[in-house]
Amino acid sequence: MNVDPLIASLPAKSDKERRTIRARAEDWVADGSPEQQEAGSKVLDAFAQLQEREARDSLEARVERAFSAMPPSDHEVRLLKVLLDYPGKTNRELSRELGWDDTASTGTSAL
């Protein structure tokens, strides 16, 4: 049983997919044929190595991986850019930078 393609795809899998694959591998190790037990062990070993590698990754690498797995929307990109460009600004100042009218919350008129 060739699990190498599956192992190679693990880094790109979602948490849900990883849980499913891990559960299946654990089942194979516990109750599978000798071939399945070997394949399951190989997958579980790959998970252990992946977890170690991900734990050692820098914050930047983890953020990059998260945004690669689930890219932000255009709106989220705009929000992140304003947050990065204007550190220390208040909510009102950030809203102004985004072009949002915050007069509705204060009860004042823009006129």
PDB file of N, CA and C in Angstrom:
ATOM      1  N   MET A   1       0.845  -1.164   0.000  1.00  0.00           N
ATOM      2  CA  MET A   1       0.000   0.000   0.000  1.00  0.00           C
ATOM      3  C   MET A   1       0.899   1.238   0.000  1.00  0.00           C
ATOM      4  N   ASN A   2       0.777   2.059  -1.034  1.00  0.00           N
ATOM      5  CA  ASN A   2       1.626   3.239  -1.183  1.00  0.00           C
ATOM      6  C   ASN A   2       0.939   4.459  -0.572  1.00  0.00           C
ATOM      7  N   VAL A   3       1.425   4.908   0.582  1.00  0.00           N
ATOM      8  CA  VAL A   3       0.858   6.075   1.252  1.00  0.00           C
ATOM      9  C   VAL A   3       1.740   7.310   1.061  1.00  0.00           C
ATOM     10  N   ASP A   4       2.785   7.205   0.254  1.00  0.00           N
ATOM     11  CA  ASP A   4       3.695   8.335   0.047  1.00  0.00           C
ATOM     12  C   ASP A   4       2.989   9.577  -0.501  1.00  0.00           C
ATOM     13  N   PRO A   5       2.108   9.443  -1.503  1.00  0.00           N
ATOM     14  CA  PRO A   5       1.400  10.645  -1.982  1.00  0.00           C
ATOM     15  C   PRO A   5       0.542  11.281  -0.873  1.00  0.00           C
ATOM     16  N   LEU A   6      -0.081  10.456  -0.065  1.00  0.00           N
ATOM     17  CA  LEU A   6      -0.883  10.965   1.049  1.00  0.00           C
ATOM     18  C   LEU A   6       0.003  11.712   2.040  1.00  0.00           C
ATOM     19  N   ILE A   7       1.128  11.132   2.382  1.00  0.00           N
ATOM     20  CA  ILE A   7       2.060  11.762   3.321  1.00  0.00           C
ATOM     21  C   ILE A   7       2.560  13.096   2.763  1.00  0.00           C
ATOM     22  N   ALA A   8       2.851  13.133   1.481  1.00  0.00           N
ATOM     23  CA  ALA A   8       3.336  14.371   0.858  1.00  0.00           C
ATOM     24  C   ALA A   8       2.276  15.472   0.900  1.00  0.00           C
ATOM     25  N   SER A   9       1.011  15.091   0.924  1.00  0.00           N
ATOM     26  CA  SER A   9      -0.066  16.088   0.908  1.00  0.00           C
ATOM     27  C   SER A   9      -0.470  16.562   2.308  1.00  0.00           C
ATOM     28  N   LEU A  10       0.064  15.947   3.363  1.00  0.00           N
ATOM     29  CA  LEU A  10      -0.353  16.287   4.729  1.00  0.00           C
ATOM     30  C   LEU A  10      -0.198  17.764   5.082  1.00  0.00           C
ATOM     31  N   PRO A  11       0.902  18.417   4.735  1.00  0.00           N
ATOM     32  CA  PRO A  11       1.029  19.828   5.126  1.00  0.00           C
ATOM     33  C   PRO A  11      -0.089  20.720   4.593  1.00  0.00           C
ATOM     34  N   ALA A  12      -0.642  20.378   3.458  1.00  0.00           N
ATOM     35  CA  ALA A  12      -1.690  21.204   2.853  1.00  0.00           C
ATOM     36  C   ALA A  12      -3.092  20.842   3.331  1.00  0.00           C
ATOM     37  N   LYS A  13      -3.213  19.796   4.108  1.00  0.00           N
ATOM     38  CA  LYS A  13      -4.530  19.346   4.567  1.00  0.00           C
ATOM     39  C   LYS A  13      -5.048  20.246   5.681  1.00  0.00           C
ATOM     40  N   SER A  14      -6.375  20.387   5.747  1.00  0.00           N
ATOM     41  CA  SER A  14      -6.999  21.150   6.827  1.00  0.00           C
ATOM     42  C   SER A  14      -6.934  20.333   8.115  1.00  0.00           C
ATOM     43  N   ASP A  15      -7.207  20.976   9.227  1.00  0.00           N
ATOM     44  CA  ASP A  15      -7.211  20.259  10.507  1.00  0.00           C
ATOM     45  C   ASP A  15      -8.211  19.113  10.488  1.00  0.00           C
ATOM     46  N   LYS A  16      -9.368  19.353   9.912  1.00  0.00           N
ATOM     47  CA  LYS A  16     -10.405  18.310   9.837  1.00  0.00           C
ATOM     48  C   LYS A  16      -9.911  17.121   9.014  1.00  0.00           C
ATOM     49  N   GLU A  17      -9.289  17.413   7.877  1.00  0.00           N
ATOM     50  CA  GLU A  17      -8.762  16.334   7.033  1.00  0.00           C
ATOM     51  C   GLU A  17      -7.657  15.577   7.761  1.00  0.00           C
ATOM     52  N   ARG A  18      -6.806  16.312   8.462  1.00  0.00           N
ATOM     53  CA  ARG A  18      -5.730  15.659   9.213  1.00  0.00           C
ATOM     54  C   ARG A  18      -6.293  14.734  10.288  1.00  0.00           C
ATOM     55  N   ARG A  19      -7.330  15.190  10.999  1.00  0.00           N
ATOM     56  CA  ARG A  19      -7.940  14.335  12.037  1.00  0.00           C
ATOM     57  C   ARG A  19      -8.511  13.055  11.434  1.00  0.00           C
ATOM     58  N   THR A  20      -9.146  13.191  10.277  1.00  0.00           N
ATOM     59  CA  THR A  20      -9.727  12.020   9.604  1.00  0.00           C
ATOM     60  C   THR A  20      -8.638  11.039   9.181  1.00  0.00           C
ATOM     61  N   ILE A  21      -7.570  11.562   8.588  1.00  0.00           N
ATOM     62  CA  ILE A  21      -6.470  10.706   8.121  1.00  0.00           C
ATOM     63  C   ILE A  21      -5.794  10.029   9.308  1.00  0.00           C
ATOM     64  N   ARG A  22      -5.564  10.803  10.373  1.00  0.00           N
ATOM     65  CA  ARG A  22      -4.920  10.235  11.564  1.00  0.00           C
ATOM     66  C   ARG A  22      -5.792   9.122  12.170  1.00  0.00           C
ATOM     67  N   ALA A  23      -7.086   9.351  12.254  1.00  0.00           N
ATOM     68  CA  ALA A  23      -7.993   8.340  12.818  1.00  0.00           C
ATOM     69  C   ALA A  23      -7.972   7.066  11.980  1.00  0.00           C
ATOM     70  N   ARG A  24      -7.966   7.232  10.677  1.00  0.00           N
ATOM     71  CA  ARG A  24      -7.929   6.060   9.792  1.00  0.00           C
ATOM     72  C   ARG A  24      -6.608   5.301   9.962  1.00  0.00           C
ATOM     73  N   ALA A  25      -5.512   6.052  10.070  1.00  0.00           N
ATOM     74  CA  ALA A  25      -4.201   5.413  10.254  1.00  0.00           C
ATOM     75  C   ALA A  25      -4.157   4.669  11.589  1.00  0.00           C
ATOM     76  N   GLU A  26      -4.704   5.277  12.625  1.00  0.00           N
ATOM     77  CA  GLU A  26      -4.742   4.609  13.933  1.00  0.00           C
ATOM     78  C   GLU A  26      -5.582   3.340  13.878  1.00  0.00           C
ATOM     79  N   ASP A  27      -6.709   3.392  13.163  1.00  0.00           N
ATOM     80  CA  ASP A  27      -7.543   2.193  12.987  1.00  0.00           C
ATOM     81  C   ASP A  27      -6.776   1.099  12.253  1.00  0.00           C
ATOM     82  N   TRP A  28      -6.029   1.482  11.215  1.00  0.00           N
ATOM     83  CA  TRP A  28      -5.250   0.500  10.474  1.00  0.00           C
ATOM     84  C   TRP A  28      -4.211  -0.159  11.373  1.00  0.00           C
ATOM     85  N   VAL A  29      -3.535   0.638  12.179  1.00  0.00           N
ATOM     86  CA  VAL A  29      -2.510   0.085  13.071  1.00  0.00           C
ATOM     87  C   VAL A  29      -3.147  -0.874  14.065  1.00  0.00           C
ATOM     88  N   ALA A  30      -4.317  -0.514  14.583  1.00  0.00           N
ATOM     89  CA  ALA A  30      -4.972  -1.326  15.611  1.00  0.00           C
ATOM     90  C   ALA A  30      -5.641  -2.577  15.049  1.00  0.00           C
ATOM     91  N   ASP A  31      -6.314  -2.440  13.906  1.00  0.00           N
ATOM     92  CA  ASP A  31      -7.166  -3.537  13.431  1.00  0.00           C
ATOM     93  C   ASP A  31      -6.941  -3.955  11.989  1.00  0.00           C
ATOM     94  N   GLY A  32      -5.950  -3.403  11.322  1.00  0.00           N
ATOM     95  CA  GLY A  32      -5.781  -3.684   9.899  1.00  0.00           C
ATOM     96  C   GLY A  32      -4.960  -4.916   9.614  1.00  0.00           C
ATOM     97  N   SER A  33      -4.888  -5.211   8.334  1.00  0.00           N
ATOM     98  CA  SER A  33      -4.027  -6.282   7.855  1.00  0.00           C
ATOM     99  C   SER A  33      -2.581  -5.870   8.102  1.00  0.00           C
ATOM    100  N   PRO A  34      -1.637  -6.803   7.989  1.00  0.00           N
ATOM    101  CA  PRO A  34      -0.234  -6.411   8.163  1.00  0.00           C
ATOM    102  C   PRO A  34       0.179  -5.265   7.238  1.00  0.00           C
ATOM    103  N   GLU A  35      -0.301  -5.281   6.006  1.00  0.00           N
ATOM    104  CA  GLU A  35       0.023  -4.211   5.070  1.00  0.00           C
ATOM    105  C   GLU A  35      -0.575  -2.876   5.538  1.00  0.00           C
ATOM    106  N   GLN A  36      -1.811  -2.906   6.027  1.00  0.00           N
ATOM    107  CA  GLN A  36      -2.441  -1.691   6.537  1.00  0.00           C
ATOM    108  C   GLN A  36      -1.749  -1.202   7.809  1.00  0.00           C
ATOM    109  N   GLN A  37      -1.335  -2.117   8.649  1.00  0.00           N
ATOM    110  CA  GLN A  37      -0.638  -1.732   9.875  1.00  0.00           C
ATOM    111  C   GLN A  37       0.665  -1.008   9.545  1.00  0.00           C
ATOM    112  N   GLU A  38       1.380  -1.528   8.560  1.00  0.00           N
ATOM    113  CA  GLU A  38       2.635  -0.891   8.144  1.00  0.00           C
ATOM    114  C   GLU A  38       2.360   0.495   7.569  1.00  0.00           C
ATOM    115  N   ALA A  39       1.341   0.590   6.703  1.00  0.00           N
ATOM    116  CA  ALA A  39       0.986   1.878   6.095  1.00  0.00           C
ATOM    117  C   ALA A  39       0.524   2.858   7.168  1.00  0.00           C
ATOM    118  N   GLY A  40      -0.296   2.393   8.100  1.00  0.00           N
ATOM    119  CA  GLY A  40      -0.777   3.251   9.180  1.00  0.00           C
ATOM    120  C   GLY A  40       0.357   3.768  10.042  1.00  0.00           C
ATOM    121  N   SER A  41       1.309   2.918  10.349  1.00  0.00           N
ATOM    122  CA  SER A  41       2.477   3.337  11.130  1.00  0.00           C
ATOM    123  C   SER A  41       3.289   4.388  10.389  1.00  0.00           C
ATOM    124  N   LYS A  42       3.427   4.192   9.097  1.00  0.00           N
ATOM    125  CA  LYS A  42       4.182   5.152   8.290  1.00  0.00           C
ATOM    126  C   LYS A  42       3.493   6.524   8.291  1.00  0.00           C
ATOM    127  N   VAL A  43       2.167   6.519   8.189  1.00  0.00           N
ATOM    128  CA  VAL A  43       1.409   7.777   8.205  1.00  0.00           C
ATOM    129  C   VAL A  43       1.520   8.446   9.576  1.00  0.00           C
ATOM    130  N   LEU A  44       1.397   7.665  10.641  1.00  0.00           N
ATOM    131  CA  LEU A  44       1.503   8.234  11.987  1.00  0.00           C
ATOM    132  C   LEU A  44       2.897   8.790  12.252  1.00  0.00           C
ATOM    133  N   ASP A  45       3.931   8.118  11.759  1.00  0.00           N
ATOM    134  CA  ASP A  45       5.291   8.645  11.880  1.00  0.00           C
ATOM    135  C   ASP A  45       5.426   9.973  11.127  1.00  0.00           C
ATOM    136  N   ALA A  46       4.816  10.045   9.944  1.00  0.00           N
ATOM    137  CA  ALA A  46       4.867  11.280   9.165  1.00  0.00           C
ATOM    138  C   ALA A  46       4.149  12.415   9.898  1.00  0.00           C
ATOM    139  N   PHE A  47       3.039  12.091  10.560  1.00  0.00           N
ATOM    140  CA  PHE A  47       2.338  13.099  11.356  1.00  0.00           C
ATOM    141  C   PHE A  47       3.227  13.608  12.482  1.00  0.00           C
ATOM    142  N   ALA A  48       3.927  12.725  13.145  1.00  0.00           N
ATOM    143  CA  ALA A  48       4.812  13.126  14.247  1.00  0.00           C
ATOM    144  C   ALA A  48       5.905  14.056  13.736  1.00  0.00           C
ATOM    145  N   GLN A  49       6.500  13.725  12.605  1.00  0.00           N
ATOM    146  CA  GLN A  49       7.546  14.572  12.025  1.00  0.00           C
ATOM    147  C   GLN A  49       6.984  15.927  11.611  1.00  0.00           C
ATOM    148  N   LEU A  50       5.787  15.915  11.034  1.00  0.00           N
ATOM    149  CA  LEU A  50       5.149  17.157  10.606  1.00  0.00           C
ATOM    150  C   LEU A  50       4.861  18.060  11.807  1.00  0.00           C
ATOM    151  N   GLN A  51       4.364  17.484  12.872  1.00  0.00           N
ATOM    152  CA  GLN A  51       4.078  18.269  14.076  1.00  0.00           C
ATOM    153  C   GLN A  51       5.352  18.877  14.656  1.00  0.00           C
ATOM    154  N   GLU A  52       6.418  18.112  14.678  1.00  0.00           N
ATOM    155  CA  GLU A  52       7.699  18.631  15.174  1.00  0.00           C
ATOM    156  C   GLU A  52       8.189  19.789  14.302  1.00  0.00           C
ATOM    157  N   ARG A  53       8.094  19.614  12.993  1.00  0.00           N
ATOM    158  CA  ARG A  53       8.546  20.656  12.069  1.00  0.00           C
ATOM    159  C   ARG A  53       7.688  21.911  12.224  1.00  0.00           C
ATOM    160  N   GLU A  54       6.385  21.744  12.324  1.00  0.00           N
ATOM    161  CA  GLU A  54       5.500  22.897  12.458  1.00  0.00           C
ATOM    162  C   GLU A  54       5.708  23.600  13.798  1.00  0.00           C
ATOM    163  N   ALA A  55       6.026  22.863  14.838  1.00  0.00           N
ATOM    164  CA  ALA A  55       6.277  23.458  16.154  1.00  0.00           C
ATOM    165  C   ALA A  55       7.549  24.302  16.141  1.00  0.00           C
ATOM    166  N   ARG A  56       8.519  23.926  15.318  1.00  0.00           N
ATOM    167  CA  ARG A  56       9.794  24.657  15.226  1.00  0.00           C
ATOM    168  C   ARG A  56       9.702  25.870  14.306  1.00  0.00           C
ATOM    169  N   ASP A  57       8.670  25.914  13.474  1.00  0.00           N
ATOM    170  CA  ASP A  57       8.538  27.009  12.513  1.00  0.00           C
ATOM    171  C   ASP A  57       8.462  28.361  13.214  1.00  0.00           C
ATOM    172  N   SER A  58       8.951  29.346  12.537  1.00  0.00           N
ATOM    173  CA  SER A  58       8.870  30.713  13.054  1.00  0.00           C
ATOM    174  C   SER A  58       7.420  31.197  12.972  1.00  0.00           C
ATOM    175  N   LEU A  59       7.143  32.263  13.673  1.00  0.00           N
ATOM    176  CA  LEU A  59       5.814  32.865  13.621  1.00  0.00           C
ATOM    177  C   LEU A  59       5.473  33.246  12.183  1.00  0.00           C
ATOM    178  N   GLU A  60       6.430  33.792  11.472  1.00  0.00           N
ATOM    179  CA  GLU A  60       6.188  34.200  10.090  1.00  0.00           C
ATOM    180  C   GLU A  60       5.791  33.010   9.214  1.00  0.00           C
ATOM    181  N   ALA A  61       6.464  31.885   9.404  1.00  0.00           N
ATOM    182  CA  ALA A  61       6.159  30.693   8.607  1.00  0.00           C
ATOM    183  C   ALA A  61       4.758  30.176   8.927  1.00  0.00           C
ATOM    184  N   ARG A  62       4.390  30.217  10.217  1.00  0.00           N
ATOM    185  CA  ARG A  62       3.045  29.753  10.601  1.00  0.00           C
ATOM    186  C   ARG A  62       1.965  30.670  10.035  1.00  0.00           C
ATOM    187  N   VAL A  63       2.210  31.979  10.068  1.00  0.00           N
ATOM    188  CA  VAL A  63       1.238  32.927   9.513  1.00  0.00           C
ATOM    189  C   VAL A  63       1.126  32.734   8.006  1.00  0.00           C
ATOM    190  N   GLU A  64       2.267  32.583   7.344  1.00  0.00           N
ATOM    191  CA  GLU A  64       2.251  32.362   5.893  1.00  0.00           C
ATOM    192  C   GLU A  64       1.476  31.096   5.541  1.00  0.00           C
ATOM    193  N   ARG A  65       1.710  30.023   6.299  1.00  0.00           N
ATOM    194  CA  ARG A  65       1.003  28.759   6.050  1.00  0.00           C
ATOM    195  C   ARG A  65      -0.504  28.935   6.269  1.00  0.00           C
ATOM    196  N   ALA A  66      -0.880  29.670   7.312  1.00  0.00           N
ATOM    197  CA  ALA A  66      -2.304  29.884   7.593  1.00  0.00           C
ATOM    198  C   ALA A  66      -2.972  30.674   6.471  1.00  0.00           C
ATOM    199  N   PHE A  67      -2.293  31.740   5.999  1.00  0.00           N
ATOM    200  CA  PHE A  67      -2.878  32.539   4.927  1.00  0.00           C
ATOM    201  C   PHE A  67      -2.857  31.811   3.601  1.00  0.00           C
ATOM    202  N   SER A  68      -1.931  30.898   3.408  1.00  0.00           N
ATOM    203  CA  SER A  68      -1.907  30.094   2.182  1.00  0.00           C
ATOM    204  C   SER A  68      -3.047  29.093   2.188  1.00  0.00           C
ATOM    205  N   ALA A  69      -3.319  28.529   3.350  1.00  0.00           N
ATOM    206  CA  ALA A  69      -4.386  27.535   3.456  1.00  0.00           C
ATOM    207  C   ALA A  69      -5.761  28.184   3.336  1.00  0.00           C
ATOM    208  N   MET A  70      -5.889  29.414   3.854  1.00  0.00           N
ATOM    209  CA  MET A  70      -7.172  30.115   3.814  1.00  0.00           C
ATOM    210  C   MET A  70      -6.893  31.593   3.538  1.00  0.00           C
ATOM    211  N   PRO A  71      -6.752  31.954   2.267  1.00  0.00           N
ATOM    212  CA  PRO A  71      -6.408  33.336   1.928  1.00  0.00           C
ATOM    213  C   PRO A  71      -7.482  34.321   2.410  1.00  0.00           C
ATOM    214  N   PRO A  72      -7.057  35.505   2.839  1.00  0.00           N
ATOM    215  CA  PRO A  72      -8.028  36.503   3.285  1.00  0.00           C
ATOM    216  C   PRO A  72      -8.792  37.096   2.106  1.00  0.00           C
ATOM    217  N   SER A  73      -9.990  37.564   2.395  1.00  0.00           N
ATOM    218  CA  SER A  73     -10.789  38.239   1.367  1.00  0.00           C
ATOM    219  C   SER A  73     -10.170  39.607   1.076  1.00  0.00           C
ATOM    220  N   ASP A  74     -10.633  40.264   0.032  1.00  0.00           N
ATOM    221  CA  ASP A  74     -10.139  41.605  -0.297  1.00  0.00           C
ATOM    222  C   ASP A  74     -10.379  42.561   0.873  1.00  0.00           C
ATOM    223  N   HIS A  75     -11.528  42.452   1.483  1.00  0.00           N
ATOM    224  CA  HIS A  75     -11.875  43.292   2.635  1.00  0.00           C
ATOM    225  C   HIS A  75     -10.909  43.047   3.795  1.00  0.00           C
ATOM    226  N   GLU A  76     -10.613  41.783   4.075  1.00  0.00           N
ATOM    227  CA  GLU A  76      -9.678  41.448   5.153  1.00  0.00           C
ATOM    228  C   GLU A  76      -8.264  41.952   4.849  1.00  0.00           C
ATOM    229  N   VAL A  77      -7.852  41.877   3.588  1.00  0.00           N
ATOM    230  CA  VAL A  77      -6.536  42.384   3.198  1.00  0.00           C
ATOM    231  C   VAL A  77      -6.470  43.886   3.472  1.00  0.00           C
ATOM    232  N   ARG A  78      -7.527  44.584   3.116  1.00  0.00           N
ATOM    233  CA  ARG A  78      -7.578  46.038   3.353  1.00  0.00           C
ATOM    234  C   ARG A  78      -7.493  46.335   4.851  1.00  0.00           C
ATOM    235  N   LEU A  79      -8.237  45.585   5.657  1.00  0.00           N
ATOM    236  CA  LEU A  79      -8.188  45.774   7.116  1.00  0.00           C
ATOM    237  C   LEU A  79      -6.782  45.530   7.656  1.00  0.00           C
ATOM    238  N   LEU A  80      -6.171  44.443   7.242  1.00  0.00           N
ATOM    239  CA  LEU A  80      -4.823  44.117   7.718  1.00  0.00           C
ATOM    240  C   LEU A  80      -3.820  45.193   7.318  1.00  0.00           C
ATOM    241  N   LYS A  81      -3.943  45.693   6.093  1.00  0.00           N
ATOM    242  CA  LYS A  81      -3.017  46.727   5.625  1.00  0.00           C
ATOM    243  C   LYS A  81      -3.139  47.980   6.487  1.00  0.00           C
ATOM    244  N   VAL A  82      -4.371  48.408   6.783  1.00  0.00           N
ATOM    245  CA  VAL A  82      -4.558  49.595   7.615  1.00  0.00           C
ATOM    246  C   VAL A  82      -4.009  49.358   9.015  1.00  0.00           C
ATOM    247  N   LEU A  83      -4.241  48.170   9.571  1.00  0.00           N
ATOM    248  CA  LEU A  83      -3.722  47.875  10.912  1.00  0.00           C
ATOM    249  C   LEU A  83      -2.197  47.921  10.938  1.00  0.00           C
ATOM    250  N   LEU A  84      -1.574  47.414   9.895  1.00  0.00           N
ATOM    251  CA  LEU A  84      -0.113  47.420   9.833  1.00  0.00           C
ATOM    252  C   LEU A  84       0.458  48.816   9.545  1.00  0.00           C
ATOM    253  N   ASP A  85      -0.252  49.586   8.722  1.00  0.00           N
ATOM    254  CA  ASP A  85       0.236  50.908   8.346  1.00  0.00           C
ATOM    255  C   ASP A  85       0.041  51.956   9.445  1.00  0.00           C
ATOM    256  N   TYR A  86      -0.910  51.714  10.356  1.00  0.00           N
ATOM    257  CA  TYR A  86      -1.236  52.707  11.377  1.00  0.00           C
ATOM    258  C   TYR A  86      -1.256  52.086  12.771  1.00  0.00           C
ATOM    259  N   PRO A  87      -0.121  51.591  13.230  1.00  0.00           N
ATOM    260  CA  PRO A  87      -0.090  50.994  14.565  1.00  0.00           C
ATOM    261  C   PRO A  87      -0.355  52.057  15.641  1.00  0.00           C
ATOM    262  N   GLY A  88      -1.066  51.667  16.677  1.00  0.00           N
ATOM    263  CA  GLY A  88      -1.322  52.575  17.787  1.00  0.00           C
ATOM    264  C   GLY A  88      -2.501  53.506  17.580  1.00  0.00           C
ATOM    265  N   LYS A  89      -3.126  53.467  16.423  1.00  0.00           N
ATOM    266  CA  LYS A  89      -4.283  54.329  16.168  1.00  0.00           C
ATOM    267  C   LYS A  89      -5.505  53.805  16.917  1.00  0.00           C
ATOM    268  N   THR A  90      -6.423  54.701  17.202  1.00  0.00           N
ATOM    269  CA  THR A  90      -7.676  54.317  17.874  1.00  0.00           C
ATOM    270  C   THR A  90      -8.630  53.704  16.865  1.00  0.00           C
ATOM    271  N   ASN A  91      -9.708  53.105  17.359  1.00  0.00           N
ATOM    272  CA  ASN A  91     -10.727  52.539  16.472  1.00  0.00           C
ATOM    273  C   ASN A  91     -11.288  53.602  15.537  1.00  0.00           C
ATOM    274  N   ARG A  92     -11.544  54.778  16.077  1.00  0.00           N
ATOM    275  CA  ARG A  92     -12.103  55.869  15.271  1.00  0.00           C
ATOM    276  C   ARG A  92     -11.116  56.267  14.159  1.00  0.00           C
ATOM    277  N   GLU A  93      -9.834  56.376  14.502  1.00  0.00           N
ATOM    278  CA  GLU A  93      -8.829  56.751  13.508  1.00  0.00           C
ATOM    279  C   GLU A  93      -8.672  55.668  12.439  1.00  0.00           C
ATOM    280  N   LEU A  94      -8.701  54.410  12.862  1.00  0.00           N
ATOM    281  CA  LEU A  94      -8.612  53.309  11.892  1.00  0.00           C
ATOM    282  C   LEU A  94      -9.832  53.296  10.979  1.00  0.00           C
ATOM    283  N   SER A  95     -11.006  53.529  11.557  1.00  0.00           N
ATOM    284  CA  SER A  95     -12.228  53.580  10.746  1.00  0.00           C
ATOM    285  C   SER A  95     -12.131  54.687   9.711  1.00  0.00           C
ATOM    286  N   ARG A  96     -11.600  55.835  10.117  1.00  0.00           N
ATOM    287  CA  ARG A  96     -11.433  56.961   9.193  1.00  0.00           C
ATOM    288  C   ARG A  96     -10.483  56.572   8.063  1.00  0.00           C
ATOM    289  N   GLU A  97      -9.369  55.885   8.399  1.00  0.00           N
ATOM    290  CA  GLU A  97      -8.414  55.456   7.374  1.00  0.00           C
ATOM    291  C   GLU A  97      -9.049  54.480   6.384  1.00  0.00           C
ATOM    292  N   LEU A  98     -10.027  53.709   6.859  1.00  0.00           N
ATOM    293  CA  LEU A  98     -10.727  52.762   5.994  1.00  0.00           C
ATOM    294  C   LEU A  98     -11.842  53.427   5.196  1.00  0.00           C
ATOM    295  N   GLY A  99     -12.112  54.698   5.524  1.00  0.00           N
ATOM    296  CA  GLY A  99     -13.177  55.400   4.819  1.00  0.00           C
ATOM    297  C   GLY A  99     -14.556  55.089   5.360  1.00  0.00           C
ATOM    298  N   TRP A 100     -14.616  54.566   6.563  1.00  0.00           N
ATOM    299  CA  TRP A 100     -15.903  54.241   7.167  1.00  0.00           C
ATOM    300  C   TRP A 100     -16.425  55.457   7.913  1.00  0.00           C
ATOM    301  N   ASP A 101     -17.691  55.706   7.778  1.00  0.00           N
ATOM    302  CA  ASP A 101     -18.324  56.827   8.477  1.00  0.00           C
ATOM    303  C   ASP A 101     -18.724  56.355   9.862  1.00  0.00           C
ATOM    304  N   ASP A 102     -18.079  56.906  10.898  1.00  0.00           N
ATOM    305  CA  ASP A 102     -18.382  56.481  12.254  1.00  0.00           C
ATOM    306  C   ASP A 102     -19.350  57.426  12.960  1.00  0.00           C
ATOM    307  N   THR A 103     -20.002  58.332  12.198  1.00  0.00           N
ATOM    308  CA  THR A 103     -20.916  59.280  12.815  1.00  0.00           C
ATOM    309  C   THR A 103     -22.195  58.626  13.285  1.00  0.00           C
ATOM    310  N   ALA A 104     -22.568  57.481  12.704  1.00  0.00           N
ATOM    311  CA  ALA A 104     -23.801  56.805  13.110  1.00  0.00           C
ATOM    312  C   ALA A 104     -23.707  56.360  14.567  1.00  0.00           C
ATOM    313  N   SER A 105     -22.521  55.935  15.004  1.00  0.00           N
ATOM    314  CA  SER A 105     -22.373  55.460  16.371  1.00  0.00           C
ATOM    315  C   SER A 105     -22.327  56.600  17.379  1.00  0.00           C
ATOM    316  N   THR A 106     -21.991  57.820  16.924  1.00  0.00           N
ATOM    317  CA  THR A 106     -21.899  58.946  17.853  1.00  0.00           C
ATOM    318  C   THR A 106     -23.170  59.771  17.854  1.00  0.00           C
ATOM    319  N   GLY A 107     -24.060  59.533  16.884  1.00  0.00           N
ATOM    320  CA  GLY A 107     -25.296  60.277  16.824  1.00  0.00           C
ATOM    321  C   GLY A 107     -25.151  61.649  16.178  1.00  0.00           C
ATOM    322  N   THR A 108     -23.981  61.947  15.634  1.00  0.00           N
ATOM    323  CA  THR A 108     -23.771  63.231  14.975  1.00  0.00           C
ATOM    324  C   THR A 108     -23.991  63.095  13.492  1.00  0.00           C
ATOM    325  N   SER A 109     -24.199  64.189  12.864  1.00  0.00           N
ATOM    326  CA  SER A 109     -24.453  64.187  11.434  1.00  0.00           C
ATOM    327  C   SER A 109     -23.198  64.574  10.670  1.00  0.00           C
ATOM    328  N   ALA A 110     -23.038  64.005   9.506  1.00  0.00           N
ATOM    329  CA  ALA A 110     -21.884  64.333   8.669  1.00  0.00           C
ATOM    330  C   ALA A 110     -22.112  65.639   7.921  1.00  0.00           C
ATOM    331  N   LEU A 111     -23.295  66.230   8.025  1.00  0.00           N
ATOM    332  CA  LEU A 111     -23.598  67.478   7.323  1.00  0.00           C
ATOM    333  C   LEU A 111     -23.001  68.659   7.971  1.00  0.00           C
TER     334      LEU A 111
END
